[in-house]
Amino acid sequence: MDKKETIAIEWLNRYTGTEPKDYGEWILLTNFQNYVEKFSEKFNCEIKGSGGPMTSSTNDDGLSIINFGIGSSNAATIMDLLSAISPKGVLFLGKCGGLKKTTDIGHFILPTAAIRGEGTSDDYFPKEVPAMPSFKLHKYVSAILVEKNIDYRTGVVYSTNRRVWEHDKDFKKYLKKVRAMGIDMETATFFITGFANQISRGALLLVSDTPMIPDGVKTEEMDKEVTRKYVDLHLELGIEAMTRIGHEGEKIKHFKY
């Protein structure tokens, strides 16, 4: 147990309840159990790992979904563990706060990059290394959004380890200064750890609140409304994008890093 590959392949099953050999070549990642449940119902496939730290499900078409939990450390953990099976692509379906007047609840953000404010990514690369997605993976997601005539935004998001910051006026001033479009806890970590593990990666974020104003701070009732209105579409977009990539067979990974 002195090699990363040995450790990762051992812990992947322990954390997710799924044997490495049973995963598909394409992976959806989420923070929310209801995404996994909806995926399982759609494809009539088993949910594994219930009662453990992460749950997962895999359909017959070679697509898997994993609920890895919340936060940048969990995001890094799952990407390190997935390095043991070298998936062809991973897409994060996350929620974020909209930081600009042009990003309202229900909008989608396809991030062009993420600011590394979460700290976890510092264990992988120096701060000078940008956190960026894989272009070709985002190209597929973008194409589907355009085909369905769904309005979406592109731009930079900010990732932070702080879950409760909405009261901090100085931090809000800082967010305005860096001109970020959205804020979450995981995207920068996914992009950096994907790069470190040579995994093609992307993120499609759903704006679930507008935390720069007091009335826009997420509440339980607001989250329920977002789930009712937008989660089914969010999941369907992710499923269609990753399934299409798999069927068309275009290579999306860089030849060299």
C-alpha atoms as a PDB file:
ATOM      1  CA  MET A   1       0.000   0.000   0.000  1.00  0.00           C
ATOM      2  CA  ASP A   2       2.814   2.406  -0.839  1.00  0.00           C
ATOM      3  CA  LYS A   3       1.616   3.387  -4.325  1.00  0.00           C
ATOM      4  CA  LYS A   4      -1.124   5.864  -5.150  1.00  0.00           C
ATOM      5  CA  GLU A   5      -2.826   3.483  -7.597  1.00  0.00           C
ATOM      6  CA  THR A   6      -3.043   0.711  -4.997  1.00  0.00           C
ATOM      7  CA  ILE A   7      -4.448   3.009  -2.331  1.00  0.00           C
ATOM      8  CA  ALA A   8      -6.932   4.680  -4.673  1.00  0.00           C
ATOM      9  CA  ILE A   9      -8.378   1.477  -6.091  1.00  0.00           C
ATOM     10  CA  GLU A  10      -8.789   0.060  -2.577  1.00  0.00           C
ATOM     11  CA  TRP A  11     -10.533   3.138  -1.217  1.00  0.00           C
ATOM     12  CA  LEU A  12     -12.758   3.769  -4.250  1.00  0.00           C
ATOM     13  CA  ASN A  13     -14.916   0.779  -3.336  1.00  0.00           C
ATOM     14  CA  ARG A  14     -14.813   1.628   0.379  1.00  0.00           C
ATOM     15  CA  TYR A  15     -15.977   5.195  -0.166  1.00  0.00           C
ATOM     16  CA  THR A  16     -18.556   4.706  -2.931  1.00  0.00           C
ATOM     17  CA  GLY A  17     -19.750   1.125  -2.499  1.00  0.00           C
ATOM     18  CA  THR A  18     -18.953   0.316  -6.128  1.00  0.00           C
ATOM     19  CA  GLU A  19     -16.227  -2.012  -7.348  1.00  0.00           C
ATOM     20  CA  PRO A  20     -13.792  -0.178  -9.656  1.00  0.00           C
ATOM     21  CA  LYS A  21     -14.548  -2.595 -12.504  1.00  0.00           C
ATOM     22  CA  ASP A  22     -18.249  -1.728 -12.321  1.00  0.00           C
ATOM     23  CA  TYR A  23     -17.848   1.965 -13.120  1.00  0.00           C
ATOM     24  CA  GLY A  24     -18.602   3.388 -16.545  1.00  0.00           C
ATOM     25  CA  GLU A  25     -16.039   5.267 -18.620  1.00  0.00           C
ATOM     26  CA  TRP A  26     -17.920   8.533 -18.118  1.00  0.00           C
ATOM     27  CA  ILE A  27     -18.753   9.955 -14.702  1.00  0.00           C
ATOM     28  CA  LEU A  28     -21.179  12.559 -13.365  1.00  0.00           C
ATOM     29  CA  LEU A  29     -20.361  14.028  -9.954  1.00  0.00           C
ATOM     30  CA  THR A  30     -22.818  15.776  -7.659  1.00  0.00           C
ATOM     31  CA  ASN A  31     -23.243  16.965  -4.063  1.00  0.00           C
ATOM     32  CA  PHE A  32     -26.842  15.859  -3.841  1.00  0.00           C
ATOM     33  CA  GLN A  33     -28.394  12.473  -3.156  1.00  0.00           C
ATOM     34  CA  ASN A  34     -31.572  13.307  -5.078  1.00  0.00           C
ATOM     35  CA  TYR A  35     -29.504  13.498  -8.303  1.00  0.00           C
ATOM     36  CA  VAL A  36     -28.359   9.914  -7.739  1.00  0.00           C
ATOM     37  CA  GLU A  37     -31.904   8.813  -6.923  1.00  0.00           C
ATOM     38  CA  LYS A  38     -33.320  10.435 -10.056  1.00  0.00           C
ATOM     39  CA  PHE A  39     -30.559   8.839 -12.153  1.00  0.00           C
ATOM     40  CA  SER A  40     -31.313   5.430 -10.612  1.00  0.00           C
ATOM     41  CA  GLU A  41     -35.044   5.788 -11.299  1.00  0.00           C
ATOM     42  CA  LYS A  42     -34.473   6.898 -14.884  1.00  0.00           C
ATOM     43  CA  PHE A  43     -32.253   3.955 -15.781  1.00  0.00           C
ATOM     44  CA  ASN A  44     -33.584   1.401 -13.284  1.00  0.00           C
ATOM     45  CA  CYS A  45     -30.117   0.827 -11.843  1.00  0.00           C
ATOM     46  CA  GLU A  46     -29.015   0.104  -8.300  1.00  0.00           C
ATOM     47  CA  ILE A  47     -27.785   2.745  -5.868  1.00  0.00           C
ATOM     48  CA  LYS A  48     -24.675   1.513  -4.104  1.00  0.00           C
ATOM     49  CA  GLY A  49     -22.921   2.808  -1.013  1.00  0.00           C
ATOM     50  CA  SER A  50     -26.022   3.780   0.978  1.00  0.00           C
ATOM     51  CA  GLY A  51     -25.025   4.377   4.584  1.00  0.00           C
ATOM     52  CA  GLY A  52     -21.456   5.193   3.594  1.00  0.00           C
ATOM     53  CA  PRO A  53     -19.725   8.509   2.838  1.00  0.00           C
ATOM     54  CA  MET A  54     -20.572   8.451  -0.881  1.00  0.00           C
ATOM     55  CA  THR A  55     -23.220   6.831  -3.077  1.00  0.00           C
ATOM     56  CA  SER A  56     -23.071   5.839  -6.718  1.00  0.00           C
ATOM     57  CA  SER A  57     -25.059   4.327  -9.554  1.00  0.00           C
ATOM     58  CA  THR A  58     -24.150   3.102 -13.057  1.00  0.00           C
ATOM     59  CA  ASN A  59     -26.413   2.554 -16.047  1.00  0.00           C
ATOM     60  CA  ASP A  60     -26.074   0.041 -18.868  1.00  0.00           C
ATOM     61  CA  ASP A  61     -24.736   2.698 -21.225  1.00  0.00           C
ATOM     62  CA  GLY A  62     -21.434   3.151 -19.407  1.00  0.00           C
ATOM     63  CA  LEU A  63     -22.374   6.273 -17.451  1.00  0.00           C
ATOM     64  CA  SER A  64     -21.959   6.519 -13.677  1.00  0.00           C
ATOM     65  CA  ILE A  65     -22.979   9.125 -11.121  1.00  0.00           C
ATOM     66  CA  ILE A  66     -21.425   9.708  -7.695  1.00  0.00           C
ATOM     67  CA  ASN A  67     -22.623  11.834  -4.804  1.00  0.00           C
ATOM     68  CA  PHE A  68     -19.281  12.696  -3.200  1.00  0.00           C
ATOM     69  CA  GLY A  69     -20.604  15.006  -0.481  1.00  0.00           C
ATOM     70  CA  ILE A  70     -19.854  18.693   0.050  1.00  0.00           C
ATOM     71  CA  GLY A  71     -16.652  20.706   0.011  1.00  0.00           C
ATOM     72  CA  SER A  72     -13.308  20.956  -1.694  1.00  0.00           C
ATOM     73  CA  SER A  73     -11.599  18.229   0.335  1.00  0.00           C
ATOM     74  CA  ASN A  74     -14.248  15.709  -0.736  1.00  0.00           C
ATOM     75  CA  ALA A  75     -13.924  16.923  -4.333  1.00  0.00           C
ATOM     76  CA  ALA A  76     -10.175  16.279  -4.236  1.00  0.00           C
ATOM     77  CA  THR A  77     -10.704  12.886  -2.616  1.00  0.00           C
ATOM     78  CA  ILE A  78     -13.081  11.579  -5.268  1.00  0.00           C
ATOM     79  CA  MET A  79     -10.886  12.802  -8.134  1.00  0.00           C
ATOM     80  CA  ASP A  80      -7.835  11.148  -6.574  1.00  0.00           C
ATOM     81  CA  LEU A  81      -9.791   7.909  -6.165  1.00  0.00           C
ATOM     82  CA  LEU A  82     -11.109   8.046  -9.733  1.00  0.00           C
ATOM     83  CA  SER A  83      -7.529   8.237 -10.991  1.00  0.00           C
ATOM     84  CA  ALA A  84      -7.391   4.495 -10.253  1.00  0.00           C
ATOM     85  CA  ILE A  85      -9.847   3.767 -13.085  1.00  0.00           C
ATOM     86  CA  SER A  86      -8.859   6.597 -15.481  1.00  0.00           C
ATOM     87  CA  PRO A  87     -12.344   7.646 -16.629  1.00  0.00           C
ATOM     88  CA  LYS A  88     -12.565   9.235 -20.060  1.00  0.00           C
ATOM     89  CA  GLY A  89     -14.342  12.274 -18.657  1.00  0.00           C
ATOM     90  CA  VAL A  90     -15.912  13.650 -15.483  1.00  0.00           C
ATOM     91  CA  LEU A  91     -18.614  16.334 -15.331  1.00  0.00           C
ATOM     92  CA  PHE A  92     -19.527  18.071 -12.081  1.00  0.00           C
ATOM     93  CA  LEU A  93     -23.204  19.003 -11.732  1.00  0.00           C
ATOM     94  CA  GLY A  94     -23.074  21.520  -8.911  1.00  0.00           C
ATOM     95  CA  LYS A  95     -24.994  24.465  -7.579  1.00  0.00           C
ATOM     96  CA  CYS A  96     -23.535  27.922  -7.076  1.00  0.00           C
ATOM     97  CA  GLY A  97     -24.393  31.393  -5.916  1.00  0.00           C
ATOM     98  CA  GLY A  98     -24.820  34.026  -8.599  1.00  0.00           C
ATOM     99  CA  LEU A  99     -22.643  37.077  -7.914  1.00  0.00           C
ATOM    100  CA  LYS A 100     -23.727  39.368 -10.739  1.00  0.00           C
ATOM    101  CA  LYS A 101     -27.048  40.932 -11.667  1.00  0.00           C
ATOM    102  CA  THR A 102     -26.934  38.961 -14.912  1.00  0.00           C
ATOM    103  CA  THR A 103     -26.795  35.606 -13.086  1.00  0.00           C
ATOM    104  CA  ASP A 104     -30.197  34.866 -11.602  1.00  0.00           C
ATOM    105  CA  ILE A 105     -31.673  31.771  -9.972  1.00  0.00           C
ATOM    106  CA  GLY A 106     -32.184  29.000 -12.525  1.00  0.00           C
ATOM    107  CA  HIS A 107     -29.414  30.153 -14.859  1.00  0.00           C
ATOM    108  CA  PHE A 108     -26.623  27.775 -15.832  1.00  0.00           C
ATOM    109  CA  ILE A 109     -22.940  28.677 -15.720  1.00  0.00           C
ATOM    110  CA  LEU A 110     -20.353  26.833 -17.809  1.00  0.00           C
ATOM    111  CA  PRO A 111     -17.161  28.048 -16.122  1.00  0.00           C
ATOM    112  CA  THR A 112     -14.182  28.985 -18.273  1.00  0.00           C
ATOM    113  CA  ALA A 113     -11.981  28.922 -15.150  1.00  0.00           C
ATOM    114  CA  ALA A 114     -12.173  29.017 -11.366  1.00  0.00           C
ATOM    115  CA  ILE A 115     -10.346  31.161  -8.835  1.00  0.00           C
ATOM    116  CA  ARG A 116      -8.579  28.970  -6.290  1.00  0.00           C
ATOM    117  CA  GLY A 117      -9.829  30.411  -3.016  1.00  0.00           C
ATOM    118  CA  GLU A 118     -10.558  27.015  -1.433  1.00  0.00           C
ATOM    119  CA  GLY A 119      -7.009  26.139  -0.411  1.00  0.00           C
ATOM    120  CA  THR A 120      -7.243  22.406  -1.120  1.00  0.00           C
ATOM    121  CA  SER A 121      -5.861  22.806  -4.637  1.00  0.00           C
ATOM    122  CA  ASP A 122      -2.670  24.295  -3.158  1.00  0.00           C
ATOM    123  CA  ASP A 123      -1.651  20.757  -2.201  1.00  0.00           C
ATOM    124  CA  TYR A 124      -1.505  19.871  -5.908  1.00  0.00           C
ATOM    125  CA  PHE A 125      -0.036  22.850  -7.772  1.00  0.00           C
ATOM    126  CA  PRO A 126       1.329  26.332  -6.997  1.00  0.00           C
ATOM    127  CA  LYS A 127      -1.158  29.210  -7.069  1.00  0.00           C
ATOM    128  CA  GLU A 128       0.154  30.300 -10.469  1.00  0.00           C
ATOM    129  CA  VAL A 129      -1.383  27.236 -12.131  1.00  0.00           C
ATOM    130  CA  PRO A 130      -4.902  28.156 -13.337  1.00  0.00           C
ATOM    131  CA  ALA A 131      -7.895  25.971 -12.554  1.00  0.00           C
ATOM    132  CA  MET A 132      -9.463  25.256 -15.930  1.00  0.00           C
ATOM    133  CA  PRO A 133     -11.819  22.690 -17.491  1.00  0.00           C
ATOM    134  CA  SER A 134     -11.183  20.503 -20.523  1.00  0.00           C
ATOM    135  CA  PHE A 135     -12.254  22.493 -23.569  1.00  0.00           C
ATOM    136  CA  LYS A 136     -13.699  19.641 -25.633  1.00  0.00           C
ATOM    137  CA  LEU A 137     -15.869  18.392 -22.785  1.00  0.00           C
ATOM    138  CA  HIS A 138     -17.335  21.843 -22.316  1.00  0.00           C
ATOM    139  CA  LYS A 139     -17.843  22.068 -26.066  1.00  0.00           C
ATOM    140  CA  TYR A 140     -20.322  19.171 -25.900  1.00  0.00           C
ATOM    141  CA  VAL A 141     -22.187  20.678 -22.969  1.00  0.00           C
ATOM    142  CA  SER A 142     -22.330  24.065 -24.709  1.00  0.00           C
ATOM    143  CA  ALA A 143     -23.629  22.505 -27.933  1.00  0.00           C
ATOM    144  CA  ILE A 144     -26.495  20.815 -26.091  1.00  0.00           C
ATOM    145  CA  LEU A 145     -27.426  24.021 -24.279  1.00  0.00           C
ATOM    146  CA  VAL A 146     -27.530  25.870 -27.598  1.00  0.00           C
ATOM    147  CA  GLU A 147     -29.551  23.118 -29.306  1.00  0.00           C
ATOM    148  CA  LYS A 148     -32.134  23.256 -26.521  1.00  0.00           C
ATOM    149  CA  ASN A 149     -32.201  27.052 -26.652  1.00  0.00           C
ATOM    150  CA  ILE A 150     -31.202  27.283 -22.991  1.00  0.00           C
ATOM    151  CA  ASP A 151     -29.651  30.563 -21.961  1.00  0.00           C
ATOM    152  CA  TYR A 152     -26.369  30.116 -20.113  1.00  0.00           C
ATOM    153  CA  ARG A 153     -23.375  32.094 -18.931  1.00  0.00           C
ATOM    154  CA  THR A 154     -19.650  31.558 -19.274  1.00  0.00           C
ATOM    155  CA  GLY A 155     -17.048  33.158 -17.075  1.00  0.00           C
ATOM    156  CA  VAL A 156     -14.924  32.724 -13.984  1.00  0.00           C
ATOM    157  CA  VAL A 157     -16.303  31.336 -10.721  1.00  0.00           C
ATOM    158  CA  TYR A 158     -14.777  31.623  -7.268  1.00  0.00           C
ATOM    159  CA  SER A 159     -14.335  28.524  -5.089  1.00  0.00           C
ATOM    160  CA  THR A 160     -14.100  28.917  -1.324  1.00  0.00           C
ATOM    161  CA  ASN A 161     -13.886  26.659   1.719  1.00  0.00           C
ATOM    162  CA  ARG A 162     -16.177  28.986   3.629  1.00  0.00           C
ATOM    163  CA  ARG A 163     -19.787  27.866   3.680  1.00  0.00           C
ATOM    164  CA  VAL A 164     -21.051  30.735   5.800  1.00  0.00           C
ATOM    165  CA  TRP A 165     -19.719  34.016   4.447  1.00  0.00           C
ATOM    166  CA  GLU A 166     -22.816  35.940   3.388  1.00  0.00           C
ATOM    167  CA  HIS A 167     -22.584  38.181   6.470  1.00  0.00           C
ATOM    168  CA  ASP A 168     -18.968  39.199   5.738  1.00  0.00           C
ATOM    169  CA  LYS A 169     -18.994  42.620   4.064  1.00  0.00           C
ATOM    170  CA  ASP A 170     -15.241  42.633   3.463  1.00  0.00           C
ATOM    171  CA  PHE A 171     -15.401  39.300   1.655  1.00  0.00           C
ATOM    172  CA  LYS A 172     -18.273  40.558  -0.488  1.00  0.00           C
ATOM    173  CA  LYS A 173     -16.170  43.578  -1.453  1.00  0.00           C
ATOM    174  CA  TYR A 174     -13.378  41.204  -2.403  1.00  0.00           C
ATOM    175  CA  LEU A 175     -15.706  39.129  -4.581  1.00  0.00           C
ATOM    176  CA  LYS A 176     -16.771  42.273  -6.426  1.00  0.00           C
ATOM    177  CA  LYS A 177     -13.125  43.180  -6.944  1.00  0.00           C
ATOM    178  CA  VAL A 178     -12.195  39.837  -8.548  1.00  0.00           C
ATOM    179  CA  ARG A 179     -15.250  40.065 -10.857  1.00  0.00           C
ATOM    180  CA  ALA A 180     -16.311  36.461 -10.355  1.00  0.00           C
ATOM    181  CA  MET A 181     -19.626  35.411 -11.900  1.00  0.00           C
ATOM    182  CA  GLY A 182     -20.516  32.743  -9.353  1.00  0.00           C
ATOM    183  CA  ILE A 183     -19.296  31.183  -6.125  1.00  0.00           C
ATOM    184  CA  ASP A 184     -19.156  27.571  -4.961  1.00  0.00           C
ATOM    185  CA  MET A 185     -16.947  25.264  -2.905  1.00  0.00           C
ATOM    186  CA  GLU A 186     -15.646  22.674  -5.366  1.00  0.00           C
ATOM    187  CA  THR A 187     -15.143  23.750  -8.991  1.00  0.00           C
ATOM    188  CA  ALA A 188     -11.553  25.000  -8.670  1.00  0.00           C
ATOM    189  CA  THR A 189     -10.647  21.814  -6.808  1.00  0.00           C
ATOM    190  CA  PHE A 190     -12.156  19.628  -9.522  1.00  0.00           C
ATOM    191  CA  PHE A 191     -10.312  21.446 -12.262  1.00  0.00           C
ATOM    192  CA  ILE A 192      -6.937  21.287 -10.508  1.00  0.00           C
ATOM    193  CA  THR A 193      -7.183  17.697  -9.274  1.00  0.00           C
ATOM    194  CA  GLY A 194      -8.448  16.607 -12.678  1.00  0.00           C
ATOM    195  CA  PHE A 195      -5.393  18.207 -14.230  1.00  0.00           C
ATOM    196  CA  ALA A 196      -3.111  16.586 -11.643  1.00  0.00           C
ATOM    197  CA  ASN A 197      -4.657  13.149 -12.260  1.00  0.00           C
ATOM    198  CA  GLN A 198      -4.848  13.558 -16.058  1.00  0.00           C
ATOM    199  CA  ILE A 199      -8.630  13.305 -16.051  1.00  0.00           C
ATOM    200  CA  SER A 200     -10.710  15.329 -18.518  1.00  0.00           C
ATOM    201  CA  ARG A 201     -13.111  17.397 -16.451  1.00  0.00           C
ATOM    202  CA  GLY A 202     -15.850  19.981 -16.642  1.00  0.00           C
ATOM    203  CA  ALA A 203     -18.586  21.618 -14.609  1.00  0.00           C
ATOM    204  CA  LEU A 204     -22.136  22.722 -15.309  1.00  0.00           C
ATOM    205  CA  LEU A 205     -23.308  24.873 -12.419  1.00  0.00           C
ATOM    206  CA  LEU A 206     -26.898  25.745 -11.565  1.00  0.00           C
ATOM    207  CA  VAL A 207     -27.395  29.148  -9.939  1.00  0.00           C
ATOM    208  CA  SER A 208     -29.405  28.367  -6.810  1.00  0.00           C
ATOM    209  CA  ASP A 209     -29.183  31.674  -4.927  1.00  0.00           C
ATOM    210  CA  THR A 210     -27.992  35.265  -5.202  1.00  0.00           C
ATOM    211  CA  PRO A 211     -26.052  35.716  -1.949  1.00  0.00           C
ATOM    212  CA  MET A 212     -24.727  39.235  -2.521  1.00  0.00           C
ATOM    213  CA  ILE A 213     -28.089  40.628  -1.418  1.00  0.00           C
ATOM    214  CA  PRO A 214     -29.838  39.741   1.894  1.00  0.00           C
ATOM    215  CA  ASP A 215     -33.027  38.513   0.216  1.00  0.00           C
ATOM    216  CA  GLY A 216     -30.971  36.277  -2.070  1.00  0.00           C
ATOM    217  CA  VAL A 217     -29.222  34.218   0.621  1.00  0.00           C
ATOM    218  CA  LYS A 218     -30.206  30.567   0.280  1.00  0.00           C
ATOM    219  CA  THR A 219     -32.932  29.253   2.567  1.00  0.00           C
ATOM    220  CA  GLU A 220     -34.423  25.788   2.862  1.00  0.00           C
ATOM    221  CA  GLU A 221     -37.585  26.923   1.109  1.00  0.00           C
ATOM    222  CA  MET A 222     -35.592  28.526  -1.705  1.00  0.00           C
ATOM    223  CA  ASP A 223     -33.564  25.347  -2.209  1.00  0.00           C
ATOM    224  CA  LYS A 224     -36.748  23.270  -2.436  1.00  0.00           C
ATOM    225  CA  GLU A 225     -38.088  25.620  -5.108  1.00  0.00           C
ATOM    226  CA  VAL A 226     -34.850  25.405  -7.119  1.00  0.00           C
ATOM    227  CA  THR A 227     -34.955  21.624  -6.885  1.00  0.00           C
ATOM    228  CA  ARG A 228     -38.573  21.513  -8.067  1.00  0.00           C
ATOM    229  CA  LYS A 229     -38.006  23.817 -11.030  1.00  0.00           C
ATOM    230  CA  TYR A 230     -34.509  23.098 -12.311  1.00  0.00           C
ATOM    231  CA  VAL A 231     -32.848  19.917 -11.007  1.00  0.00           C
ATOM    232  CA  ASP A 232     -34.445  17.542 -13.521  1.00  0.00           C
ATOM    233  CA  LEU A 233     -33.192  19.698 -16.395  1.00  0.00           C
ATOM    234  CA  HIS A 234     -29.733  20.020 -14.833  1.00  0.00           C
ATOM    235  CA  LEU A 235     -29.378  16.257 -14.545  1.00  0.00           C
ATOM    236  CA  GLU A 236     -30.773  15.633 -18.043  1.00  0.00           C
ATOM    237  CA  LEU A 237     -28.239  18.040 -19.551  1.00  0.00           C
ATOM    238  CA  GLY A 238     -25.396  16.225 -17.834  1.00  0.00           C
ATOM    239  CA  ILE A 239     -26.649  12.800 -18.876  1.00  0.00           C
ATOM    240  CA  GLU A 240     -27.129  13.846 -22.495  1.00  0.00           C
ATOM    241  CA  ALA A 241     -23.745  15.536 -22.757  1.00  0.00           C
ATOM    242  CA  MET A 242     -21.744  12.631 -21.337  1.00  0.00           C
ATOM    243  CA  THR A 243     -23.769  10.008 -23.219  1.00  0.00           C
ATOM    244  CA  ARG A 244     -23.276  11.855 -26.498  1.00  0.00           C
ATOM    245  CA  ILE A 245     -19.529  12.100 -25.963  1.00  0.00           C
ATOM    246  CA  GLY A 246     -19.402   8.374 -25.295  1.00  0.00           C
ATOM    247  CA  HIS A 247     -21.411   7.500 -28.405  1.00  0.00           C
ATOM    248  CA  GLU A 248     -19.563   9.824 -30.756  1.00  0.00           C
ATOM    249  CA  GLY A 249     -16.206   8.703 -29.435  1.00  0.00           C
ATOM    250  CA  GLU A 250     -14.283  11.943 -29.830  1.00  0.00           C
ATOM    251  CA  LYS A 251     -11.113  12.013 -27.777  1.00  0.00           C
ATOM    252  CA  ILE A 252     -11.309  14.860 -25.295  1.00  0.00           C
ATOM    253  CA  LYS A 253      -8.120  14.266 -23.343  1.00  0.00           C
ATOM    254  CA  HIS A 254      -4.896  16.092 -24.110  1.00  0.00           C
ATOM    255  CA  PHE A 255      -2.258  13.896 -25.728  1.00  0.00           C
ATOM    256  CA  LYS A 256       0.373  15.244 -23.344  1.00  0.00           C
ATOM    257  CA  TYR A 257       0.371  17.176 -20.114  1.00  0.00           C
END
